[in-house]
Protein backbone atom coordinates (compact mmCIF):
# COMPACT_ATOMS: atom_id res chain seq x y z
CA MET A 1 75.66 1.78 40.99
CA LEU A 2 78.77 -0.03 41.60
CA SER A 3 82.35 0.55 39.64
CA LEU A 4 84.50 -1.97 37.42
CA GLU A 5 86.09 -2.21 39.72
CA CYS A 6 83.97 -2.79 43.18
CA GLN A 7 81.37 -5.00 41.60
CA THR A 8 84.68 -7.84 41.23
CA VAL A 9 85.73 -7.47 43.77
CA TYR A 10 82.67 -8.10 45.02
CA ASP A 11 82.27 -10.75 42.84
CA LEU A 12 85.19 -12.27 43.44
CA ILE A 13 84.43 -12.44 47.73
CA ARG A 14 80.61 -13.77 47.29
CA GLN A 15 82.52 -16.96 45.10
CA ILE A 16 85.47 -16.90 47.79
CA ALA A 17 82.97 -17.39 50.87
CA GLY A 18 80.45 -18.69 49.18
CA GLU A 19 76.05 -18.30 49.65
CA GLU A 20 76.39 -19.97 53.25
CA GLU A 21 75.39 -17.94 56.07
CA VAL A 22 78.96 -17.65 57.32
CA TYR A 23 81.75 -15.81 58.22
CA LYS A 24 84.70 -16.48 56.35
CA ILE A 25 88.22 -15.13 56.24
CA ILE A 26 89.94 -13.87 53.21
CA GLU A 27 92.53 -12.63 52.52
CA ALA A 28 93.63 -9.95 50.58
CA ASP A 29 96.18 -12.34 48.10
CA GLU A 30 93.15 -14.44 47.44
CA ILE A 31 91.13 -11.26 45.86
CA ILE A 32 94.41 -10.29 43.75
CA GLU A 33 95.75 -13.32 42.77
CA ARG A 34 91.38 -13.66 41.40
CA LEU A 35 91.70 -10.89 39.16
CA PRO A 36 91.37 -10.48 35.20
CA SER A 37 94.62 -9.60 34.02
CA GLY A 38 92.90 -6.48 32.39
CA LEU A 39 92.04 -5.48 35.92
CA PRO A 40 95.22 -4.95 38.54
CA LEU A 41 95.35 -4.24 42.54
CA SER A 42 97.26 -2.98 44.92
CA LYS A 43 96.39 -4.42 48.54
CA VAL A 44 95.92 -0.56 49.33
CA GLN A 45 93.99 0.18 46.03
CA LEU A 46 91.83 -3.77 47.47
CA SER A 47 91.61 -2.00 50.72
CA ALA A 48 89.85 1.45 49.91
CA ILE A 49 87.04 -1.19 47.66
CA ILE A 50 86.57 -3.32 50.52
CA ARG A 51 85.82 -0.33 52.55
CA GLU A 52 83.42 0.97 49.90
CA LEU A 53 81.84 -2.04 50.11
CA LYS A 54 80.93 -2.19 53.95
CA ASP A 55 80.06 1.42 53.82
CA ARG A 56 77.22 0.86 51.07
CA GLU A 57 76.80 -2.50 52.52
CA TYR A 58 77.06 -4.52 50.54
CA ILE A 59 79.45 -6.90 53.39
CA CYS A 60 79.51 -7.06 56.51
CA LEU A 61 82.92 -7.42 58.02
CA LEU A 62 84.10 -8.49 62.17
CA TYR A 63 88.11 -8.00 61.17
CA THR A 64 89.86 -5.77 59.01
CA SER A 65 93.82 -5.27 58.91
CA ASP A 66 94.50 -1.73 57.38
CA ALA A 67 96.64 -3.14 53.94
CA ALA A 68 99.37 -0.43 55.14
CA ASP A 69 99.86 -2.56 57.85
CA ASP A 70 101.06 -5.57 55.77
């Protein structure tokens, strides 16, 4: 089971990416802008959540930049 933060980020990624089976470029700011006001996340926190979703095979990433580099 996913935490509230992970589930929310996963749902937002699915909304942005859509149902097509193609890869899409999604910026961290795009996800952060859509987060509910009661769930503020930094880019570092978002990066950790995205890594967790990838490791648990909820999402597939071709490329990611480390939030610490931003």
